[in-house]
Every structure is written in C-alpha cells, then in structure tokens.
C-alpha atoms as a PDB file:
ATOM      1  CA  MET A   1     103.570  85.007  74.307  1.00  0.00           C
ATOM      2  CA  SER A   2     106.469  82.641  75.010  1.00  0.00           C
ATOM      3  CA  LEU A   3     108.752  82.986  78.041  1.00  0.00           C
ATOM      4  CA  ILE A   4     111.590  84.337  75.887  1.00  0.00           C
ATOM      5  CA  GLU A   5     109.256  86.816  74.186  1.00  0.00           C
ATOM      6  CA  GLU A   6     108.092  88.042  77.605  1.00  0.00           C
ATOM      7  CA  ILE A   7     111.701  88.473  78.734  1.00  0.00           C
ATOM      8  CA  ASN A   8     112.610  90.396  75.588  1.00  0.00           C
ATOM      9  CA  ALA A   9     109.561  92.657  75.909  1.00  0.00           C
ATOM     10  CA  LEU A  10     110.371  93.426  79.546  1.00  0.00           C
ATOM     11  CA  LYS A  11     114.037  94.033  78.717  1.00  0.00           C
ATOM     12  CA  LYS A  12     112.964  96.709  76.269  1.00  0.00           C
ATOM     13  CA  GLU A  13     110.438  98.194  78.711  1.00  0.00           C
ATOM     14  CA  ARG A  14     112.922  98.315  81.600  1.00  0.00           C
ATOM     15  CA  GLY A  15     115.927  99.392  79.554  1.00  0.00           C
ATOM     16  CA  ALA A  16     117.684  96.284  80.780  1.00  0.00           C
ATOM     17  CA  VAL A  17     120.449  93.976  79.649  1.00  0.00           C
ATOM     18  CA  ILE A  18     121.048  90.365  80.708  1.00  0.00           C
ATOM     19  CA  ILE A  19     124.573  89.162  81.403  1.00  0.00           C
ATOM     20  CA  ALA A  20     125.477  85.604  82.346  1.00  0.00           C
ATOM     21  CA  HIS A  21     128.536  83.891  83.771  1.00  0.00           C
ATOM     22  CA  ASN A  22     130.152  81.070  81.796  1.00  0.00           C
ATOM     23  CA  TYR A  23     128.938  78.563  84.422  1.00  0.00           C
ATOM     24  CA  GLN A  24     125.248  79.433  84.134  1.00  0.00           C
ATOM     25  CA  PRO A  25     122.720  76.881  82.793  1.00  0.00           C
ATOM     26  CA  ASP A  26     122.559  76.575  79.007  1.00  0.00           C
ATOM     27  CA  GLU A  27     119.110  78.193  78.815  1.00  0.00           C
ATOM     28  CA  VAL A  28     120.346  81.274  80.702  1.00  0.00           C
ATOM     29  CA  GLN A  29     123.463  81.648  78.563  1.00  0.00           C
ATOM     30  CA  ALA A  30     121.278  81.295  75.467  1.00  0.00           C
ATOM     31  CA  LEU A  31     119.057  84.246  76.413  1.00  0.00           C
ATOM     32  CA  ALA A  32     121.876  86.465  77.731  1.00  0.00           C
ATOM     33  CA  ASP A  33     123.108  89.499  75.821  1.00  0.00           C
ATOM     34  CA  PHE A  34     126.653  88.897  77.063  1.00  0.00           C
ATOM     35  CA  THR A  35     128.473  85.949  78.632  1.00  0.00           C
ATOM     36  CA  GLY A  36     131.875  85.881  80.291  1.00  0.00           C
ATOM     37  CA  ASP A  37     133.757  85.539  83.567  1.00  0.00           C
ATOM     38  CA  SER A  38     132.838  87.521  86.666  1.00  0.00           C
ATOM     39  CA  LEU A  39     135.186  90.510  86.264  1.00  0.00           C
ATOM     40  CA  GLU A  40     134.708  90.654  82.496  1.00  0.00           C
ATOM     41  CA  LEU A  41     130.950  90.915  83.036  1.00  0.00           C
ATOM     42  CA  SER A  42     131.275  93.591  85.727  1.00  0.00           C
ATOM     43  CA  ARG A  43     133.464  95.688  83.431  1.00  0.00           C
ATOM     44  CA  GLN A  44     130.990  95.103  80.601  1.00  0.00           C
ATOM     45  CA  ALA A  45     128.142  96.264  82.833  1.00  0.00           C
ATOM     46  CA  ALA A  46     129.998  99.486  83.606  1.00  0.00           C
ATOM     47  CA  GLU A  47     130.428 100.247  79.894  1.00  0.00           C
ATOM     48  CA  LEU A  48     126.845  99.545  78.827  1.00  0.00           C
ATOM     49  CA  ASP A  49     124.318 102.307  78.250  1.00  0.00           C
ATOM     50  CA  GLU A  50     121.510 100.312  79.875  1.00  0.00           C
ATOM     51  CA  GLU A  51     120.704 101.298  83.446  1.00  0.00           C
ATOM     52  CA  VAL A  52     119.307  97.920  84.566  1.00  0.00           C
ATOM     53  CA  ILE A  53     121.650  94.925  84.658  1.00  0.00           C
ATOM     54  CA  VAL A  54     120.243  91.448  85.256  1.00  0.00           C
ATOM     55  CA  PHE A  55     123.341  89.631  86.516  1.00  0.00           C
ATOM     56  CA  CYS A  56     123.029  85.866  86.146  1.00  0.00           C
ATOM     57  CA  GLY A  57     125.752  84.597  88.421  1.00  0.00           C
ATOM     58  CA  VAL A  58     126.363  84.489  92.154  1.00  0.00           C
ATOM     59  CA  HIS A  59     126.209  87.157  94.841  1.00  0.00           C
ATOM     60  CA  PHE A  60     129.836  88.338  94.921  1.00  0.00           C
ATOM     61  CA  MET A  61     129.721  88.880  91.147  1.00  0.00           C
ATOM     62  CA  ALA A  62     126.639  91.083  91.360  1.00  0.00           C
ATOM     63  CA  GLU A  63     128.317  92.972  94.220  1.00  0.00           C
ATOM     64  CA  THR A  64     131.373  93.615  92.041  1.00  0.00           C
ATOM     65  CA  ALA A  65     129.120  94.980  89.296  1.00  0.00           C
ATOM     66  CA  ALA A  66     127.425  97.221  91.857  1.00  0.00           C
ATOM     67  CA  ILE A  67     130.830  98.477  93.040  1.00  0.00           C
ATOM     68  CA  LEU A  68     131.943  99.356  89.508  1.00  0.00           C
ATOM     69  CA  SER A  69     128.518 100.738  88.496  1.00  0.00           C
ATOM     70  CA  PRO A  70     127.028 102.315  91.645  1.00  0.00           C
ATOM     71  CA  GLU A  71     124.612 104.402  89.575  1.00  0.00           C
ATOM     72  CA  LYS A  72     123.034 101.348  87.921  1.00  0.00           C
ATOM     73  CA  THR A  73     120.381  98.913  89.086  1.00  0.00           C
ATOM     74  CA  ILE A  74     121.960  95.481  89.540  1.00  0.00           C
ATOM     75  CA  LEU A  75     119.497  92.592  89.849  1.00  0.00           C
ATOM     76  CA  LEU A  76     120.391  89.042  90.915  1.00  0.00           C
ATOM     77  CA  PRO A  77     117.546  86.696  89.841  1.00  0.00           C
ATOM     78  CA  ASP A  78     118.111  84.354  92.807  1.00  0.00           C
ATOM     79  CA  GLN A  79     119.073  86.053  96.063  1.00  0.00           C
ATOM     80  CA  PHE A  80     120.350  82.768  97.495  1.00  0.00           C
ATOM     81  CA  ALA A  81     122.897  82.149  94.715  1.00  0.00           C
ATOM     82  CA  GLY A  82     126.055  82.405  96.785  1.00  0.00           C
ATOM     83  CA  CYS A  83     129.653  81.225  96.555  1.00  0.00           C
ATOM     84  CA  PRO A  84     130.948  78.791  99.203  1.00  0.00           C
ATOM     85  CA  MET A  85     134.552  79.858  98.636  1.00  0.00           C
ATOM     86  CA  ALA A  86     133.707  83.544  99.066  1.00  0.00           C
ATOM     87  CA  ASP A  87     131.928  82.613 102.305  1.00  0.00           C
ATOM     88  CA  MET A  88     135.078  80.931 103.658  1.00  0.00           C
ATOM     89  CA  ILE A  89     136.504  84.285 104.726  1.00  0.00           C
ATOM     90  CA  THR A  90     134.849  87.262 106.409  1.00  0.00           C
ATOM     91  CA  ALA A  91     136.054  90.828 106.780  1.00  0.00           C
ATOM     92  CA  ASP A  92     136.488  90.261 110.540  1.00  0.00           C
ATOM     93  CA  GLN A  93     138.637  87.184 109.919  1.00  0.00           C
ATOM     94  CA  LEU A  94     140.757  89.063 107.411  1.00  0.00           C
ATOM     95  CA  ARG A  95     141.245  92.004 109.778  1.00  0.00           C
ATOM     96  CA  ALA A  96     142.364  89.591 112.503  1.00  0.00           C
ATOM     97  CA  ARG A  97     144.889  87.918 110.195  1.00  0.00           C
ATOM     98  CA  LYS A  98     146.214  91.322 109.070  1.00  0.00           C
ATOM     99  CA  LYS A  99     146.898  92.178 112.717  1.00  0.00           C
ATOM    100  CA  GLU A 100     149.030  89.030 112.952  1.00  0.00           C
ATOM    101  CA  HIS A 101     151.027  90.195 109.924  1.00  0.00           C
ATOM    102  CA  PRO A 102     151.291  93.990 110.165  1.00  0.00           C
ATOM    103  CA  GLY A 103     152.359  95.645 106.928  1.00  0.00           C
ATOM    104  CA  CYS A 104     151.510  92.656 104.752  1.00  0.00           C
ATOM    105  CA  VAL A 105     150.068  93.240 101.281  1.00  0.00           C
ATOM    106  CA  VAL A 106     146.656  91.599 100.985  1.00  0.00           C
ATOM    107  CA  ILE A 107     145.739  90.132  97.598  1.00  0.00           C
ATOM    108  CA  ALA A 108     142.165  88.883  97.276  1.00  0.00           C
ATOM    109  CA  TYR A 109     140.844  86.708  94.501  1.00  0.00           C
ATOM    110  CA  VAL A 110     137.772  88.372  92.979  1.00  0.00           C
ATOM    111  CA  ASN A 111     135.760  85.409  94.310  1.00  0.00           C
ATOM    112  CA  SER A 112     135.289  87.262  97.586  1.00  0.00           C
ATOM    113  CA  SER A 113     132.687  89.504  99.173  1.00  0.00           C
ATOM    114  CA  ALA A 114     132.662  93.283  98.873  1.00  0.00           C
ATOM    115  CA  ALA A 115     133.460  93.524 102.594  1.00  0.00           C
ATOM    116  CA  VAL A 116     136.583  91.401 102.108  1.00  0.00           C
ATOM    117  CA  LYS A 117     137.620  93.387  99.033  1.00  0.00           C
ATOM    118  CA  ALA A 118     137.335  96.530 101.173  1.00  0.00           C
ATOM    119  CA  GLU A 119     140.057  95.126 103.476  1.00  0.00           C
ATOM    120  CA  THR A 120     142.284  94.281 100.512  1.00  0.00           C
ATOM    121  CA  ASP A 121     145.171  96.082  98.819  1.00  0.00           C
ATOM    122  CA  LEU A 122     144.866  94.356  95.452  1.00  0.00           C
ATOM    123  CA  CYS A 123     142.332  92.078  93.804  1.00  0.00           C
ATOM    124  CA  CYS A 124     143.272  89.441  91.249  1.00  0.00           C
ATOM    125  CA  THR A 125     141.637  87.022  88.846  1.00  0.00           C
ATOM    126  CA  SER A 126     142.727  83.505  87.950  1.00  0.00           C
ATOM    127  CA  SER A 127     144.221  84.869  84.721  1.00  0.00           C
ATOM    128  CA  ASN A 128     146.222  87.771  86.192  1.00  0.00           C
ATOM    129  CA  ALA A 129     147.092  86.429  89.671  1.00  0.00           C
ATOM    130  CA  MET A 130     150.768  85.878  88.808  1.00  0.00           C
ATOM    131  CA  LYS A 131     151.120  89.373  87.379  1.00  0.00           C
ATOM    132  CA  ILE A 132     149.498  90.912  90.461  1.00  0.00           C
ATOM    133  CA  VAL A 133     151.769  88.962  92.848  1.00  0.00           C
ATOM    134  CA  GLN A 134     154.821  89.924  90.789  1.00  0.00           C
ATOM    135  CA  SER A 135     153.878  93.598  91.178  1.00  0.00           C
ATOM    136  CA  VAL A 136     154.508  93.396  94.940  1.00  0.00           C
ATOM    137  CA  PRO A 137     158.135  94.090  95.949  1.00  0.00           C
ATOM    138  CA  GLU A 138     160.008  90.987  97.160  1.00  0.00           C
ATOM    139  CA  ASP A 139     160.533  92.405 100.647  1.00  0.00           C
ATOM    140  CA  ASN A 140     156.775  92.727 101.232  1.00  0.00           C
ATOM    141  CA  GLU A 141     154.938  89.875 102.891  1.00  0.00           C
ATOM    142  CA  ILE A 142     151.846  88.779 100.926  1.00  0.00           C
ATOM    143  CA  LEU A 143     148.613  87.464 102.382  1.00  0.00           C
ATOM    144  CA  PHE A 144     146.634  85.710  99.619  1.00  0.00           C
ATOM    145  CA  VAL A 145     142.908  85.046 100.156  1.00  0.00           C
ATOM    146  CA  PRO A 146     140.673  83.065  99.933  1.00  0.00           C
ATOM    147  CA  ASP A 147     141.600  80.340  97.403  1.00  0.00           C
ATOM    148  CA  THR A 148     144.354  78.017  98.623  1.00  0.00           C
ATOM    149  CA  HIS A 149     144.645  76.215  95.260  1.00  0.00           C
ATOM    150  CA  LEU A 150     145.088  79.363  93.179  1.00  0.00           C
ATOM    151  CA  GLY A 151     147.443  80.738  95.830  1.00  0.00           C
ATOM    152  CA  HIS A 152     149.630  77.635  95.840  1.00  0.00           C
ATOM    153  CA  TYR A 153     149.628  77.489  92.039  1.00  0.00           C
ATOM    154  CA  VAL A 154     150.963  81.060  91.882  1.00  0.00           C
ATOM    155  CA  GLN A 155     153.470  80.291  94.638  1.00  0.00           C
ATOM    156  CA  GLU A 156     154.734  77.227  92.733  1.00  0.00           C
ATOM    157  CA  GLN A 157     155.085  79.140  89.469  1.00  0.00           C
ATOM    158  CA  LEU A 158     156.839  82.170  90.912  1.00  0.00           C
ATOM    159  CA  GLY A 159     158.749  80.636  93.819  1.00  0.00           C
ATOM    160  CA  ARG A 160     157.312  83.430  95.960  1.00  0.00           C
ATOM    161  CA  GLU A 161     156.391  82.477  99.526  1.00  0.00           C
ATOM    162  CA  MET A 162     153.005  83.772 100.627  1.00  0.00           C
ATOM    163  CA  ILE A 163     150.630  83.379 103.532  1.00  0.00           C
ATOM    164  CA  ILE A 164     147.724  81.544 101.899  1.00  0.00           C
ATOM    165  CA  TRP A 165     144.178  81.316 103.237  1.00  0.00           C
ATOM    166  CA  ASP A 166     142.627  77.854 103.398  1.00  0.00           C
ATOM    167  CA  GLY A 167     139.545  78.465 101.255  1.00  0.00           C
ATOM    168  CA  TYR A 168     138.586  76.485  98.177  1.00  0.00           C
ATOM    169  CA  CYS A 169     135.935  75.916  95.524  1.00  0.00           C
ATOM    170  CA  PRO A 170     133.945  72.774  96.413  1.00  0.00           C
ATOM    171  CA  THR A 171     133.082  72.175  92.749  1.00  0.00           C
ATOM    172  CA  HIS A 172     136.692  72.155  91.557  1.00  0.00           C
ATOM    173  CA  SER A 173     137.742  70.162  94.614  1.00  0.00           C
ATOM    174  CA  ARG A 174     135.324  67.378  93.662  1.00  0.00           C
ATOM    175  CA  ILE A 175     137.300  66.709  90.477  1.00  0.00           C
ATOM    176  CA  ARG A 176     139.620  63.700  90.937  1.00  0.00           C
ATOM    177  CA  ASP A 177     142.779  62.757  89.093  1.00  0.00           C
ATOM    178  CA  ARG A 178     141.223  59.405  88.228  1.00  0.00           C
ATOM    179  CA  ASP A 179     138.481  61.316  86.396  1.00  0.00           C
ATOM    180  CA  ILE A 180     141.144  62.731  84.105  1.00  0.00           C
ATOM    181  CA  VAL A 181     142.804  59.316  83.701  1.00  0.00           C
ATOM    182  CA  ARG A 182     139.444  57.811  82.682  1.00  0.00           C
ATOM    183  CA  GLU A 183     138.681  60.581  80.204  1.00  0.00           C
ATOM    184  CA  LYS A 184     142.197  60.347  78.731  1.00  0.00           C
ATOM    185  CA  GLN A 185     141.682  56.617  78.197  1.00  0.00           C
ATOM    186  CA  ASP A 186     138.368  57.303  76.443  1.00  0.00           C
ATOM    187  CA  HIS A 187     139.753  60.247  74.449  1.00  0.00           C
ATOM    188  CA  PRO A 188     143.516  59.693  74.004  1.00  0.00           C
ATOM    189  CA  ASN A 189     143.963  62.638  71.616  1.00  0.00           C
ATOM    190  CA  ALA A 190     142.275  65.158  73.894  1.00  0.00           C
ATOM    191  CA  LYS A 191     144.221  67.834  75.750  1.00  0.00           C
ATOM    192  CA  VAL A 192     143.314  68.585  79.367  1.00  0.00           C
ATOM    193  CA  MET A 193     142.363  72.190  80.185  1.00  0.00           C
ATOM    194  CA  SER A 194     142.033  72.724  83.943  1.00  0.00           C
ATOM    195  CA  HIS A 195     141.182  75.738  86.040  1.00  0.00           C
ATOM    196  CA  PRO A 196     143.808  76.812  88.609  1.00  0.00           C
ATOM    197  CA  GLU A 197     141.111  76.529  91.310  1.00  0.00           C
ATOM    198  CA  CYS A 198     141.650  72.759  90.958  1.00  0.00           C
ATOM    199  CA  PRO A 199     143.776  70.938  93.577  1.00  0.00           C
ATOM    200  CA  GLN A 200     147.431  70.248  92.846  1.00  0.00           C
ATOM    201  CA  ASN A 201     146.900  66.594  91.839  1.00  0.00           C
ATOM    202  CA  ILE A 202     144.625  67.820  89.022  1.00  0.00           C
ATOM    203  CA  ARG A 203     146.980  70.607  88.018  1.00  0.00           C
ATOM    204  CA  ASP A 204     149.842  68.098  87.823  1.00  0.00           C
ATOM    205  CA  VAL A 205     148.101  65.940  85.193  1.00  0.00           C
ATOM    206  CA  SER A 206     146.807  68.821  83.054  1.00  0.00           C
ATOM    207  CA  ASP A 207     148.129  70.061  79.740  1.00  0.00           C
ATOM    208  CA  TYR A 208     146.946  73.628  80.306  1.00  0.00           C
ATOM    209  CA  LEU A 209     145.983  75.621  83.397  1.00  0.00           C
ATOM    210  CA  LEU A 210     143.650  78.374  82.272  1.00  0.00           C
ATOM    211  CA  SER A 211     140.920  80.682  83.491  1.00  0.00           C
ATOM    212  CA  THR A 212     137.516  80.277  81.832  1.00  0.00           C
ATOM    213  CA  GLY A 213     138.261  83.201  79.533  1.00  0.00           C
ATOM    214  CA  GLN A 214     141.636  81.730  78.631  1.00  0.00           C
ATOM    215  CA  MET A 215     139.989  78.363  77.902  1.00  0.00           C
ATOM    216  CA  ILE A 216     137.595  80.072  75.476  1.00  0.00           C
ATOM    217  CA  THR A 217     140.498  81.806  73.707  1.00  0.00           C
ATOM    218  CA  HIS A 218     142.772  78.752  73.645  1.00  0.00           C
ATOM    219  CA  ALA A 219     140.066  76.455  72.285  1.00  0.00           C
ATOM    220  CA  LYS A 220     139.305  78.939  69.517  1.00  0.00           C
ATOM    221  CA  ASN A 221     142.904  79.586  68.468  1.00  0.00           C
ATOM    222  CA  SER A 222     144.399  76.114  68.931  1.00  0.00           C
ATOM    223  CA  ASP A 223     144.845  73.561  66.148  1.00  0.00           C
ATOM    224  CA  GLU A 224     143.912  70.869  68.697  1.00  0.00           C
ATOM    225  CA  MET A 225     140.503  69.321  68.079  1.00  0.00           C
ATOM    226  CA  GLU A 226     139.595  67.580  71.361  1.00  0.00           C
ATOM    227  CA  PHE A 227     139.632  68.832  74.937  1.00  0.00           C
ATOM    228  CA  ILE A 228     138.879  67.444  78.376  1.00  0.00           C
ATOM    229  CA  VAL A 229     137.564  70.379  80.400  1.00  0.00           C
ATOM    230  CA  ALA A 230     138.277  70.354  84.139  1.00  0.00           C
ATOM    231  CA  THR A 231     136.095  73.160  85.394  1.00  0.00           C
ATOM    232  CA  GLU A 232     132.383  73.745  86.035  1.00  0.00           C
ATOM    233  CA  MET A 233     130.518  72.034  83.219  1.00  0.00           C
ATOM    234  CA  GLY A 234     128.513  75.124  82.258  1.00  0.00           C
ATOM    235  CA  LEU A 235     131.510  76.305  80.246  1.00  0.00           C
ATOM    236  CA  LEU A 236     130.932  73.459  77.761  1.00  0.00           C
ATOM    237  CA  TYR A 237     127.883  75.247  76.331  1.00  0.00           C
ATOM    238  CA  ARG A 238     129.948  78.194  75.125  1.00  0.00           C
ATOM    239  CA  LEU A 239     132.942  76.091  74.080  1.00  0.00           C
ATOM    240  CA  ARG A 240     130.777  73.875  71.909  1.00  0.00           C
ATOM    241  CA  ASN A 241     128.739  76.734  70.444  1.00  0.00           C
ATOM    242  CA  GLU A 242     131.805  78.742  69.474  1.00  0.00           C
ATOM    243  CA  ASN A 243     133.771  75.738  68.181  1.00  0.00           C
ATOM    244  CA  PRO A 244     131.233  73.383  66.558  1.00  0.00           C
ATOM    245  CA  GLU A 245     133.947  71.481  64.697  1.00  0.00           C
ATOM    246  CA  LYS A 246     135.776  70.548  67.920  1.00  0.00           C
ATOM    247  CA  LYS A 247     135.010  68.082  70.715  1.00  0.00           C
ATOM    248  CA  PHE A 248     134.759  69.004  74.399  1.00  0.00           C
ATOM    249  CA  TYR A 249     134.330  66.511  77.234  1.00  0.00           C
ATOM    250  CA  SER A 250     133.448  67.349  80.830  1.00  0.00           C
ATOM    251  CA  VAL A 251     135.918  65.789  83.228  1.00  0.00           C
ATOM    252  CA  SER A 252     133.086  64.629  85.514  1.00  0.00           C
ATOM    253  CA  ASP A 253     129.352  65.034  86.059  1.00  0.00           C
ATOM    254  CA  ARG A 254     130.289  66.142  89.593  1.00  0.00           C
ATOM    255  CA  ALA A 255     131.869  69.299  88.167  1.00  0.00           C
ATOM    256  CA  LEU A 256     128.632  71.166  88.737  1.00  0.00           C
ATOM    257  CA  CYS A 257     128.101  74.177  91.004  1.00  0.00           C
ATOM    258  CA  PRO A 258     124.608  74.055  92.539  1.00  0.00           C
ATOM    259  CA  ASN A 259     124.691  77.799  93.219  1.00  0.00           C
ATOM    260  CA  MET A 260     125.450  78.595  89.576  1.00  0.00           C
ATOM    261  CA  LYS A 261     122.471  76.470  88.570  1.00  0.00           C
ATOM    262  CA  LYS A 262     119.941  78.252  90.818  1.00  0.00           C
ATOM    263  CA  ILE A 263     118.998  80.765  88.133  1.00  0.00           C
ATOM    264  CA  ASP A 264     116.789  79.727  85.230  1.00  0.00           C
ATOM    265  CA  ALA A 265     114.861  81.550  82.505  1.00  0.00           C
ATOM    266  CA  GLU A 266     111.757  81.861  84.674  1.00  0.00           C
ATOM    267  CA  LYS A 267     113.732  83.576  87.460  1.00  0.00           C
ATOM    268  CA  VAL A 268     115.166  85.993  84.892  1.00  0.00           C
ATOM    269  CA  LEU A 269     111.592  86.850  83.910  1.00  0.00           C
ATOM    270  CA  TRP A 270     110.585  87.363  87.545  1.00  0.00           C
ATOM    271  CA  ALA A 271     113.638  89.568  88.121  1.00  0.00           C
ATOM    272  CA  LEU A 272     112.500  91.842  85.292  1.00  0.00           C
ATOM    273  CA  GLN A 273     108.838  91.768  86.315  1.00  0.00           C
ATOM    274  CA  ASP A 274     109.433  92.657  89.972  1.00  0.00           C
ATOM    275  CA  MET A 275     112.835  94.383  89.636  1.00  0.00           C
ATOM    276  CA  GLN A 276     114.311  91.864  92.066  1.00  0.00           C
ATOM    277  CA  HIS A 277     116.653  91.148  93.782  1.00  0.00           C
ATOM    278  CA  LEU A 278     118.419  94.494  94.040  1.00  0.00           C
ATOM    279  CA  ILE A 279     122.106  94.213  94.969  1.00  0.00           C
ATOM    280  CA  THR A 280     123.663  97.212  96.667  1.00  0.00           C
ATOM    281  CA  VAL A 281     126.917  97.762  98.547  1.00  0.00           C
ATOM    282  CA  PRO A 282     127.187 100.325 101.393  1.00  0.00           C
ATOM    283  CA  GLU A 283     129.077 103.378 100.169  1.00  0.00           C
ATOM    284  CA  ASP A 284     131.953 103.125 102.662  1.00  0.00           C
ATOM    285  CA  ILE A 285     132.589  99.475 101.725  1.00  0.00           C
ATOM    286  CA  SER A 286     132.075 100.116  98.023  1.00  0.00           C
ATOM    287  CA  LYS A 287     134.581 102.965  97.992  1.00  0.00           C
ATOM    288  CA  ARG A 288     137.342 100.895  99.612  1.00  0.00           C
ATOM    289  CA  ALA A 289     136.570  97.782  97.588  1.00  0.00           C
ATOM    290  CA  ARG A 290     136.659  99.772  94.376  1.00  0.00           C
ATOM    291  CA  ARG A 291     140.192 100.939  95.174  1.00  0.00           C
ATOM    292  CA  SER A 292     141.450  97.357  95.346  1.00  0.00           C
ATOM    293  CA  ILE A 293     139.732  96.463  92.072  1.00  0.00           C
ATOM    294  CA  GLU A 294     141.003  99.559  90.290  1.00  0.00           C
ATOM    295  CA  ALA A 295     144.523  98.941  91.594  1.00  0.00           C
ATOM    296  CA  MET A 296     144.358  95.525  89.909  1.00  0.00           C
ATOM    297  CA  LEU A 297     142.986  96.974  86.670  1.00  0.00           C
ATOM    298  CA  GLU A 298     145.823  99.495  86.501  1.00  0.00           C
ATOM    299  CA  LEU A 299     148.326  96.639  86.651  1.00  0.00           C
ATOM    300  CA  SER A 300     146.486  94.363  84.188  1.00  0.00           C
END
C-alpha cells in the first residue's frame, strides 16, 4: 500500500479530514481535502461533519480551529511548527501595554496565539484589517498587534493613527526590493502581487497588495497573464494548478517559511496513526478568544 493509500484508508477509519494552508509543501497541499488561508480553514473545519481535523499549518492556526470547533479533535502533524511573528507578543506583554493605554481598543492580527486573542477586542485578517479598523470610532485609541507591516499599511491607507506593535514575519521581511527589480527585468509584463506583511519598500514597488486568498481570486479573474508573487512560495503551487495557462514567478527563493515546511506526507500519516498532536485551548482562554474572533466575523 502506498503512503497516500495508507493516509486515505486511515482518514476513512478515523472519520478525518485533512486541511492545508496555502504555504504548505506541494505534497501536503496535493493530499489535502481543502486548502486556504488560516481563518478560512478554521471556519471550514467548523462547518465540516468530520470530527477529526488534521490541520497542516502552524500552531496558532490549529489553536484557532480548536477555538471555533471545541468539540472536534484538532491534530497538528508537527508540534514544533510555530510562527515567529505570533511568538513576538505574549499575553503578559499585551496586558502590560493595555495598562499604559487604558480604554484602548485592541485589534490583533489572526497570526497570534489564543492567549493573545483572549486579551483582544477584535481580530483581523490581512484582507479585512482596514474594515475592522474603520469599525472603531475615531475617538478610540487603537492598539494593533503584532504585525508592524500590516499595521502601518492600514495606517497609511486610512490615515488613522494607531499604536503598532513591533512584530513581523521573518519570511516576508527577507524579501528585498531589488528582488522585485530583478524579476521585473526578467519578466517585464508581469504584475507584482505582494502580501501586506511585506515591508514598506516592497509595498511601494508592488502593483497589488493582497492576502493569499485575494491573490488566488485576482489571478483567476484577471486578464493579466504573468505575475511576480511576493509572499511565501508555497502559494505558487495553488496559483499554478488553478491557472495553468498563466505564469507565476516567486520573488525570491528566500521567500520560504521553515515552519510551514515542517509538515510532510509522512507526518500526516503519523498524525492519523497515533492521533497526534492534539491541540487544545483552555476553556477560559478559548471563550474570550472566541469573542474577539466572532466580533470580527460579525463585521466582515
């Protein structure tokens, strides 16, 4: 029996479904039942009939799924698949900053831990961050965590001053403007799609600033035939598969998240064999974190 056949047999036996983030390795996306961004996958997990969810992503994503589906079994195939940006702020640090700014409205990017979400008024994604910030009355001070690049992008677009945490995604921060210049020279007809987690110098030389989900939609619906993609290179697998007639170029071979690449097909098999690694969130944290997520969903 092949590895994929073993996985499929165990999926059926366990009543499981496999979901994978857009940045996962090609082989993991290929065997997944659903692919998407972190919040999209967590919402998908909540709507599925299956009781066992193998979440191929990083820890905060599996936590979010556990928050939205507390009755389900959420498995993360590699327990050490974390997110450096999410680790750049703790609940204690956030509580301390809130004391310095009493009454502020805390908006947390979904790339944050459950404990941080529990200290948050509203969550946001890269695609709805502007809408979430706009929902806060002008006379309210906003504390935006943890992504400084997304926070400053929203601030620039809306002209709304915010207190912005100094966290960042190391993968997006490794992308350089000269990478885009080089790719534009090699592919002069290509449009640049960049993620708003990129630093300002990358945003300034981009044609479009889009979340991963928005990149998928734009590439599909656009008449443009060539794209330079400034985000984690795992997204190229789905872009190319769904648009075989179009060309997609990674901005750099450094645009690779080592944590997103920790899961492979063999670890998915082990997760199903041993029902590992179970991701749970303490009820008191889960309850408060869920409020901030649901508040976002009501506004989206």
